[in-house]
C-alpha atoms as a PDB file:
ATOM      1  CA  MET A   1     -17.622  43.408 -72.228  1.00  0.00           C
ATOM      2  CA  LYS A   2     -15.268  40.497 -71.637  1.00  0.00           C
ATOM      3  CA  ALA A   3     -14.750  37.980 -74.421  1.00  0.00           C
ATOM      4  CA  GLY A   4     -17.138  35.062 -74.141  1.00  0.00           C
ATOM      5  CA  VAL A   5     -19.673  36.912 -71.975  1.00  0.00           C
ATOM      6  CA  THR A   6     -23.039  37.127 -73.652  1.00  0.00           C
ATOM      7  CA  LYS A   7     -25.367  40.121 -73.376  1.00  0.00           C
ATOM      8  CA  ARG A   8     -27.727  37.952 -71.352  1.00  0.00           C
ATOM      9  CA  ALA A   9     -24.933  37.044 -68.952  1.00  0.00           C
ATOM     10  CA  ALA A  10     -23.861  40.665 -68.699  1.00  0.00           C
ATOM     11  CA  ARG A  11     -27.322  41.530 -67.379  1.00  0.00           C
ATOM     12  CA  ALA A  12     -27.257  38.682 -64.843  1.00  0.00           C
ATOM     13  CA  LEU A  13     -24.087  39.798 -63.047  1.00  0.00           C
ATOM     14  CA  PRO A  14     -22.947  43.381 -62.638  1.00  0.00           C
ATOM     15  CA  THR A  15     -20.577  44.303 -65.460  1.00  0.00           C
ATOM     16  CA  ALA A  16     -18.532  46.677 -63.336  1.00  0.00           C
ATOM     17  CA  GLU A  17     -15.859  44.957 -61.297  1.00  0.00           C
ATOM     18  CA  ILE A  18     -16.642  45.159 -57.585  1.00  0.00           C
ATOM     19  CA  ALA A  19     -13.423  45.806 -55.709  1.00  0.00           C
ATOM     20  CA  GLY A  20     -12.587  42.993 -53.342  1.00  0.00           C
ATOM     21  CA  VAL A  21     -15.549  40.731 -54.226  1.00  0.00           C
ATOM     22  CA  ALA A  22     -14.538  37.423 -55.759  1.00  0.00           C
ATOM     23  CA  LEU A  23     -16.425  36.260 -58.840  1.00  0.00           C
ATOM     24  CA  TRP A  24     -17.653  33.101 -57.089  1.00  0.00           C
ATOM     25  CA  ARG A  25     -19.086  35.320 -54.305  1.00  0.00           C
ATOM     26  CA  ARG A  26     -20.961  37.424 -56.870  1.00  0.00           C
ATOM     27  CA  VAL A  27     -22.382  34.227 -58.409  1.00  0.00           C
ATOM     28  CA  ALA A  28     -23.376  32.974 -54.937  1.00  0.00           C
ATOM     29  CA  ASP A  29     -25.039  36.321 -54.165  1.00  0.00           C
ATOM     30  CA  HIS A  30     -26.899  36.182 -57.493  1.00  0.00           C
ATOM     31  CA  LEU A  31     -28.195  32.670 -56.762  1.00  0.00           C
ATOM     32  CA  GLU A  32     -29.073  33.607 -53.171  1.00  0.00           C
ATOM     33  CA  ARG A  33     -31.157  36.556 -54.442  1.00  0.00           C
ATOM     34  CA  ALA A  34     -32.898  34.257 -56.947  1.00  0.00           C
ATOM     35  CA  ILE A  35     -33.751  31.860 -54.101  1.00  0.00           C
ATOM     36  CA  ALA A  36     -34.944  34.687 -51.830  1.00  0.00           C
ATOM     37  CA  ASP A  37     -37.073  36.151 -54.644  1.00  0.00           C
ATOM     38  CA  GLY A  38     -38.789  32.789 -55.145  1.00  0.00           C
ATOM     39  CA  ARG A  39     -37.389  32.097 -58.610  1.00  0.00           C
ATOM     40  CA  TYR A  40     -36.135  28.819 -57.123  1.00  0.00           C
ATOM     41  CA  PRO A  41     -38.683  27.662 -54.502  1.00  0.00           C
ATOM     42  CA  VAL A  42     -37.765  25.317 -51.660  1.00  0.00           C
ATOM     43  CA  ASP A  43     -37.109  21.717 -52.765  1.00  0.00           C
ATOM     44  CA  THR A  44     -36.772  22.607 -56.453  1.00  0.00           C
ATOM     45  CA  ARG A  45     -33.731  21.574 -58.440  1.00  0.00           C
ATOM     46  CA  LEU A  46     -31.328  24.306 -59.526  1.00  0.00           C
ATOM     47  CA  PRO A  47     -30.157  24.311 -63.132  1.00  0.00           C
ATOM     48  CA  GLY A  48     -26.906  22.380 -63.643  1.00  0.00           C
ATOM     49  CA  GLU A  49     -23.497  23.970 -63.142  1.00  0.00           C
ATOM     50  CA  ILE A  50     -22.847  24.193 -66.886  1.00  0.00           C
ATOM     51  CA  GLU A  51     -26.188  25.915 -67.552  1.00  0.00           C
ATOM     52  CA  ILE A  52     -25.635  28.441 -64.742  1.00  0.00           C
ATOM     53  CA  ALA A  53     -22.078  29.065 -65.973  1.00  0.00           C
ATOM     54  CA  GLN A  54     -23.334  29.724 -69.503  1.00  0.00           C
ATOM     55  CA  ARG A  55     -26.121  32.025 -68.295  1.00  0.00           C
ATOM     56  CA  LEU A  56     -23.733  34.081 -66.174  1.00  0.00           C
ATOM     57  CA  GLY A  57     -20.733  33.926 -68.490  1.00  0.00           C
ATOM     58  CA  VAL A  58     -18.418  32.345 -65.926  1.00  0.00           C
ATOM     59  CA  ASN A  59     -16.414  29.154 -65.571  1.00  0.00           C
ATOM     60  CA  ARG A  60     -18.154  26.021 -64.265  1.00  0.00           C
ATOM     61  CA  HIS A  61     -15.668  25.833 -61.392  1.00  0.00           C
ATOM     62  CA  THR A  62     -16.714  29.330 -60.323  1.00  0.00           C
ATOM     63  CA  VAL A  63     -20.318  28.116 -60.159  1.00  0.00           C
ATOM     64  CA  ARG A  64     -19.240  25.012 -58.245  1.00  0.00           C
ATOM     65  CA  ARG A  65     -17.475  27.182 -55.631  1.00  0.00           C
ATOM     66  CA  ALA A  66     -20.543  29.445 -55.340  1.00  0.00           C
ATOM     67  CA  ILE A  67     -22.866  26.483 -54.835  1.00  0.00           C
ATOM     68  CA  ALA A  68     -20.517  25.028 -52.209  1.00  0.00           C
ATOM     69  CA  ALA A  69     -20.676  28.339 -50.320  1.00  0.00           C
ATOM     70  CA  LEU A  70     -24.488  28.305 -50.482  1.00  0.00           C
ATOM     71  CA  ALA A  71     -24.524  24.710 -49.238  1.00  0.00           C
ATOM     72  CA  ASP A  72     -22.261  25.659 -46.315  1.00  0.00           C
ATOM     73  CA  ARG A  73     -24.758  28.362 -45.383  1.00  0.00           C
ATOM     74  CA  GLY A  74     -27.767  26.031 -45.668  1.00  0.00           C
ATOM     75  CA  PHE A  75     -29.405  27.516 -48.760  1.00  0.00           C
ATOM     76  CA  VAL A  76     -28.950  24.456 -50.984  1.00  0.00           C
ATOM     77  CA  ARG A  77     -28.158  20.769 -50.682  1.00  0.00           C
ATOM     78  CA  ALA A  78     -26.410  18.586 -53.238  1.00  0.00           C
ATOM     79  CA  GLU A  79     -27.788  15.114 -53.853  1.00  0.00           C
ATOM     80  CA  ARG A  80     -25.245  12.893 -55.580  1.00  0.00           C
ATOM     81  CA  GLY A  81     -26.424  11.886 -59.018  1.00  0.00           C
ATOM     82  CA  SER A  82     -29.586  13.959 -58.750  1.00  0.00           C
ATOM     83  CA  GLY A  83     -28.584  17.621 -58.608  1.00  0.00           C
ATOM     84  CA  THR A  84     -28.597  20.588 -56.283  1.00  0.00           C
ATOM     85  CA  TYR A  85     -31.832  21.535 -54.543  1.00  0.00           C
ATOM     86  CA  VAL A  86     -32.996  24.625 -52.687  1.00  0.00           C
ATOM     87  CA  ASP A  87     -33.026  23.766 -49.007  1.00  0.00           C
ATOM     88  CA  THR A  88     -35.113  25.060 -46.116  1.00  0.00           C
ATOM     89  CA  ARG A  89     -36.226  28.643 -46.285  1.00  0.00           C
ATOM     90  CA  ARG A  90     -34.207  31.060 -44.177  1.00  0.00           C
ATOM     91  CA  LEU A  91     -35.590  34.118 -42.498  1.00  0.00           C
ATOM     92  CA  ARG A  92     -33.792  37.260 -43.651  1.00  0.00           C
ATOM     93  CA  TYR A  93     -32.965  39.242 -40.503  1.00  0.00           C
ATOM     94  CA  PRO A  94     -31.396  42.615 -41.285  1.00  0.00           C
ATOM     95  CA  ILE A  95     -30.063  44.414 -38.219  1.00  0.00           C
ATOM     96  CA  HIS A  96     -30.529  48.161 -37.966  1.00  0.00           C
ATOM     97  CA  SER A  97     -30.667  50.630 -35.080  1.00  0.00           C
ATOM     98  CA  ARG A  98     -34.406  49.984 -34.663  1.00  0.00           C
ATOM     99  CA  THR A  99     -34.717  46.317 -35.626  1.00  0.00           C
ATOM    100  CA  ARG A 100     -37.949  44.709 -34.393  1.00  0.00           C
ATOM    101  CA  PHE A 101     -38.030  40.911 -34.457  1.00  0.00           C
ATOM    102  CA  SER A 102     -41.848  40.765 -34.533  1.00  0.00           C
ATOM    103  CA  GLU A 103     -42.003  43.045 -37.595  1.00  0.00           C
ATOM    104  CA  ILE A 104     -39.425  41.004 -39.491  1.00  0.00           C
ATOM    105  CA  VAL A 105     -40.992  37.650 -38.659  1.00  0.00           C
ATOM    106  CA  GLY A 106     -44.508  38.953 -39.279  1.00  0.00           C
ATOM    107  CA  ALA A 107     -43.586  40.513 -42.616  1.00  0.00           C
ATOM    108  CA  ALA A 108     -41.967  37.268 -43.752  1.00  0.00           C
ATOM    109  CA  GLY A 109     -45.118  35.286 -42.928  1.00  0.00           C
ATOM    110  CA  HIS A 110     -43.359  33.072 -40.414  1.00  0.00           C
ATOM    111  CA  ALA A 111     -45.635  33.903 -37.466  1.00  0.00           C
ATOM    112  CA  ALA A 112     -48.423  31.849 -39.031  1.00  0.00           C
ATOM    113  CA  ARG A 113     -46.005  28.958 -39.596  1.00  0.00           C
ATOM    114  CA  LEU A 114     -45.254  28.841 -35.864  1.00  0.00           C
ATOM    115  CA  ARG A 115     -48.961  28.169 -35.185  1.00  0.00           C
ATOM    116  CA  LEU A 116     -48.849  29.741 -31.733  1.00  0.00           C
ATOM    117  CA  ALA A 117     -52.333  30.549 -30.468  1.00  0.00           C
ATOM    118  CA  PRO A 118     -52.794  33.450 -28.045  1.00  0.00           C
ATOM    119  CA  GLY A 119     -52.426  32.288 -24.444  1.00  0.00           C
ATOM    120  CA  ARG A 120     -50.417  29.207 -25.336  1.00  0.00           C
ATOM    121  CA  PRO A 121     -48.019  28.234 -22.509  1.00  0.00           C
ATOM    122  CA  LEU A 122     -44.446  29.306 -23.213  1.00  0.00           C
ATOM    123  CA  ILE A 123     -41.089  28.687 -21.636  1.00  0.00           C
ATOM    124  CA  VAL A 124     -39.026  31.878 -21.633  1.00  0.00           C
ATOM    125  CA  VAL A 125     -35.257  31.490 -21.613  1.00  0.00           C
ATOM    126  CA  ASP A 126     -33.057  34.538 -21.049  1.00  0.00           C
ATOM    127  CA  SER A 127     -29.347  34.144 -21.710  1.00  0.00           C
ATOM    128  CA  THR A 128     -26.239  36.288 -21.746  1.00  0.00           C
ATOM    129  CA  ASP A 129     -23.204  35.513 -23.866  1.00  0.00           C
ATOM    130  CA  VAL A 130     -19.908  36.650 -22.409  1.00  0.00           C
ATOM    131  CA  THR A 131     -16.373  37.029 -23.696  1.00  0.00           C
ATOM    132  CA  ALA A 132     -13.537  34.847 -22.407  1.00  0.00           C
ATOM    133  CA  ASP A 133     -12.768  37.423 -19.711  1.00  0.00           C
ATOM    134  CA  GLY A 134     -16.400  37.525 -18.538  1.00  0.00           C
ATOM    135  CA  ARG A 135     -17.651  40.723 -20.184  1.00  0.00           C
ATOM    136  CA  PRO A 136     -21.278  40.443 -21.394  1.00  0.00           C
ATOM    137  CA  ILE A 137     -21.624  41.016 -25.127  1.00  0.00           C
ATOM    138  CA  LEU A 138     -25.093  39.729 -26.022  1.00  0.00           C
ATOM    139  CA  THR A 139     -28.377  39.059 -24.289  1.00  0.00           C
ATOM    140  CA  THR A 140     -31.159  37.020 -25.834  1.00  0.00           C
ATOM    141  CA  ARG A 141     -34.672  35.957 -24.922  1.00  0.00           C
ATOM    142  CA  ALA A 142     -36.168  32.824 -26.470  1.00  0.00           C
ATOM    143  CA  ARG A 143     -39.811  31.881 -26.197  1.00  0.00           C
ATOM    144  CA  LEU A 144     -40.468  28.169 -26.664  1.00  0.00           C
ATOM    145  CA  ALA A 145     -43.853  26.488 -27.021  1.00  0.00           C
ATOM    146  CA  ALA A 146     -44.057  24.460 -23.805  1.00  0.00           C
ATOM    147  CA  ASP A 147     -45.946  21.582 -25.400  1.00  0.00           C
ATOM    148  CA  ARG A 148     -43.332  21.159 -28.161  1.00  0.00           C
ATOM    149  CA  ILE A 149     -40.240  20.608 -26.050  1.00  0.00           C
ATOM    150  CA  GLU A 150     -39.050  18.591 -23.121  1.00  0.00           C
ATOM    151  CA  LEU A 151     -37.240  20.881 -20.748  1.00  0.00           C
ATOM    152  CA  VAL A 152     -34.102  19.270 -19.332  1.00  0.00           C
ATOM    153  CA  ILE A 153     -32.100  21.292 -16.835  1.00  0.00           C
ATOM    154  CA  GLU A 154     -28.569  20.040 -16.314  1.00  0.00           C
ATOM    155  CA  THR A 155     -26.624  21.146 -13.289  1.00  0.00           C
END
């Protein structure tokens, strides 16, 4: 165990060095898991940088860098003079060979949050993303609740 790392901190972050993974990234991953697990619900204040640093046995600047990375990704927001708060909940969307959007959204409980009743009018938008030389690389289909948007078609 490294000098200055408490037993409690050693349990919080893996003790074995992970090749190629910066310490700030491991702290960010730890905090992201805590947010995803509900230990820090949306709109709650995270502990201060010094407290997190002491818990994890790292430098405060390492925690600061980790929190900045989480803020860049939309997991937290810093409010000057008030602290850092968990921001809007993100839907975890793992991609596998048989990924099903409806299963992921349904399992996460987001279908109910959309409040879409059966038979509700939808606008379906199909799109294809292409590379600079015109080769298609991605197709998507979005379904939008017709009564929630104003459709503007620009030509």
